[in-house]
Structures are given as C-alpha cells and as structure tokens.
C-alpha cells in the first residue's frame, strides 16, 4: 500500500459531506462544495442563511467534512472549529469580499463580479471557514 495523504484527497475533491450538530445532538449531514486552502489549512464552504447547517453552526461552531474519492476506495475527514462570515446587505461589504476570495480560490475569475456580488447578497450567502484541527482517512485499495 502506498503512502496516503488525506489532505491531497481533500484538495482534489470539491464535493464533501458536511456534518454539523443539531440541537438534539444528532448529526445534520449536507452535501457541499468545499474549497481547500492548503497553504492556510482551511476549508471554505458557501452556504445560505436560514438553512439547517447554518443555524447549527451558529449554535455550535464545530463541524466535520468527509470527502470520498471517485472510485469510493479512499476517504478523508477533516474536523475543526468554524467561523461564519455574512450574510451582508451590501455587495461591497467585507463579508462579500470573503465570498469573492472563496470563488477565486476554487474556480478562478468570475465573468461578472458585480453580478456575483449582488447574487451573494440576494441569496443571503454565508461563508463558512473551518480551521482544521484533525484530519484522517484511508486508501482501501
């Protein structure tokens, strides 16, 4: 078996399953598009205000995200505390700047930043940033 670096799988896999904690103590699982900043060891996820995962994180700012390889034989989980930025009522607010940075990190330049900023405000988008405190995983084949 070769050496397996869970952070490499996290960096290469944009879709993960975010686990937050409901008020009942049970997990809330949500598929999300995640962007990993390897240099800062942070995971970013854009979410909408008012959704269960956002409400859960406002109450208990701890989460885990699990990533699975396309063949299903490798997985990686990151755990950590999170901060939430936004939503904002102003397209030029620093909270929207953070969403611009998230987009750039994950996808590069947007064809119309003004439109993107307005959509982030109208959609009540919130940026979750996870500071990774633990990462683990395995390559099964």
Protein backbone atom coordinates (compact mmCIF):
# COMPACT_ATOMS: atom_id res chain seq x y z
CA UNK A 1 0.00 0.00 0.00
CA UNK A 2 1.32 3.47 -0.88
CA UNK A 3 1.50 6.43 1.43
CA UNK A 4 -1.83 8.20 1.62
CA UNK A 5 -2.15 11.90 2.36
CA UNK A 6 -5.75 12.75 3.31
CA UNK A 7 -5.12 16.45 2.60
CA UNK A 8 -4.35 15.62 -1.04
CA UNK A 9 -7.76 13.97 -1.40
CA UNK A 10 -9.39 16.99 0.26
CA UNK A 11 -7.58 19.31 -2.16
CA UNK A 12 -8.64 17.26 -5.19
CA UNK A 13 -12.28 16.59 -4.23
CA UNK A 14 -14.67 19.55 -4.33
CA UNK A 15 -17.77 17.76 -3.08
CA UNK A 16 -17.94 16.67 0.54
CA UNK A 17 -20.49 15.80 3.18
CA UNK A 18 -20.61 18.39 5.95
CA UNK A 19 -21.64 17.17 9.39
CA UNK A 20 -22.98 19.73 11.85
CA UNK A 21 -24.64 19.16 15.21
CA UNK A 22 -28.40 19.61 15.60
CA UNK A 23 -29.86 20.95 18.85
CA UNK A 24 -30.92 17.35 19.62
CA UNK A 25 -27.27 16.28 19.45
CA UNK A 26 -27.80 14.22 16.29
CA UNK A 27 -25.71 15.00 13.20
CA UNK A 28 -27.06 17.01 10.28
CA UNK A 29 -25.42 15.83 7.05
CA UNK A 30 -25.33 18.08 3.98
CA UNK A 31 -23.58 17.67 0.63
CA UNK A 32 -21.48 20.81 -0.02
CA UNK A 33 -18.99 22.26 -2.45
CA UNK A 34 -15.83 22.82 -0.45
CA UNK A 35 -12.68 24.72 -1.33
CA UNK A 36 -9.48 23.78 0.47
CA UNK A 37 -6.78 26.39 1.03
CA UNK A 38 -3.79 24.11 1.56
CA UNK A 39 -1.42 26.97 2.44
CA UNK A 40 -3.65 28.11 5.32
CA UNK A 41 -5.04 24.60 6.08
CA UNK A 42 -8.60 25.98 5.89
CA UNK A 43 -11.73 24.62 4.24
CA UNK A 44 -14.31 27.08 2.92
CA UNK A 45 -17.96 26.40 2.12
CA UNK A 46 -20.56 28.85 0.85
CA UNK A 47 -24.00 28.30 2.38
CA UNK A 48 -27.30 30.11 2.71
CA UNK A 49 -28.55 31.88 5.81
CA UNK A 50 -31.58 30.10 7.28
CA UNK A 51 -30.58 26.56 6.33
CA UNK A 52 -30.20 23.89 9.00
CA UNK A 53 -26.41 23.65 8.64
CA UNK A 54 -26.02 27.41 9.05
CA UNK A 55 -28.28 27.52 12.10
CA UNK A 56 -26.46 24.54 13.62
CA UNK A 57 -23.07 26.21 13.14
CA UNK A 58 -24.28 29.47 14.67
CA UNK A 59 -25.30 27.50 17.77
CA UNK A 60 -22.32 25.09 17.85
CA UNK A 61 -19.38 26.11 15.62
CA UNK A 62 -17.87 22.65 15.23
CA UNK A 63 -18.04 20.52 12.11
CA UNK A 64 -16.57 17.66 10.13
CA UNK A 65 -16.40 17.22 6.38
CA UNK A 66 -15.91 13.85 4.71
CA UNK A 67 -14.54 13.52 1.17
CA UNK A 68 -14.62 10.33 -0.90
CA UNK A 69 -12.54 9.53 -4.00
CA UNK A 70 -14.42 8.95 -7.27
CA UNK A 71 -13.79 5.19 -7.06
CA UNK A 72 -15.06 5.08 -3.45
CA UNK A 73 -11.92 3.39 -2.12
CA UNK A 74 -10.30 6.41 -0.47
CA UNK A 75 -11.76 8.82 2.03
CA UNK A 76 -10.63 11.73 4.15
CA UNK A 77 -12.32 13.56 7.00
CA UNK A 78 -11.41 16.99 8.34
CA UNK A 79 -12.66 18.23 11.69
CA UNK A 80 -12.45 21.63 13.30
CA UNK A 81 -13.98 24.80 14.55
CA UNK A 82 -15.68 27.13 12.12
CA UNK A 83 -16.34 30.80 11.69
CA UNK A 84 -19.23 32.19 9.69
CA UNK A 85 -18.96 35.41 7.70
CA UNK A 86 -22.13 37.12 6.48
CA UNK A 87 -24.71 37.45 5.24
CA UNK A 88 -24.49 41.04 4.09
CA UNK A 89 -26.91 43.60 2.71
CA UNK A 90 -24.13 45.42 0.83
CA UNK A 91 -22.41 43.93 -2.26
CA UNK A 92 -19.23 45.84 -1.35
CA UNK A 93 -19.11 44.60 2.25
CA UNK A 94 -16.06 42.65 3.53
CA UNK A 95 -18.37 39.62 4.01
CA UNK A 96 -18.98 39.57 0.25
CA UNK A 97 -15.26 40.13 -0.36
CA UNK A 98 -14.68 36.87 1.54
CA UNK A 99 -17.11 35.08 -0.83
CA UNK A 100 -15.21 36.56 -3.79
CA UNK A 101 -11.98 35.16 -2.35
CA UNK A 102 -13.68 31.76 -1.91
CA UNK A 103 -14.79 31.76 -5.55
CA UNK A 104 -11.35 32.79 -6.81
CA UNK A 105 -9.65 30.07 -4.77
CA UNK A 106 -11.99 27.40 -6.09
CA UNK A 107 -12.78 28.49 -9.64
CA UNK A 108 -10.64 31.46 -10.66
CA UNK A 109 -12.08 34.64 -12.10
CA UNK A 110 -15.81 35.21 -12.48
CA UNK A 111 -17.05 36.76 -15.75
CA UNK A 112 -19.10 39.41 -13.89
CA UNK A 113 -18.04 40.22 -10.33
CA UNK A 114 -20.76 42.84 -9.87
CA UNK A 115 -23.44 40.26 -10.68
CA UNK A 116 -21.77 37.69 -8.41
CA UNK A 117 -21.69 40.16 -5.51
CA UNK A 118 -25.37 41.05 -5.98
CA UNK A 119 -26.35 37.37 -6.07
CA UNK A 120 -24.39 36.72 -2.85
CA UNK A 121 -26.44 39.47 -1.16
CA UNK A 122 -29.81 38.44 -2.63
CA UNK A 123 -29.20 34.75 -1.82
CA UNK A 124 -28.13 35.65 1.76
CA UNK A 125 -24.88 33.71 1.33
CA UNK A 126 -22.65 32.96 4.30
CA UNK A 127 -19.05 31.79 4.13
CA UNK A 128 -18.05 29.00 6.49
CA UNK A 129 -14.34 28.74 7.21
CA UNK A 130 -13.11 25.64 9.02
CA UNK A 131 -9.78 25.70 10.84
CA UNK A 132 -8.70 22.09 10.59
CA UNK A 133 -7.74 20.60 13.94
CA UNK A 134 -7.73 16.94 12.86
CA UNK A 135 -7.62 15.15 9.54
CA UNK A 136 -7.68 11.42 8.91
CA UNK A 137 -8.59 8.93 6.23
CA UNK A 138 -7.58 5.82 4.38
CA UNK A 139 -6.91 4.38 0.97
CA UNK A 140 -8.52 0.97 0.90
CA UNK A 141 -7.12 -0.14 -2.46
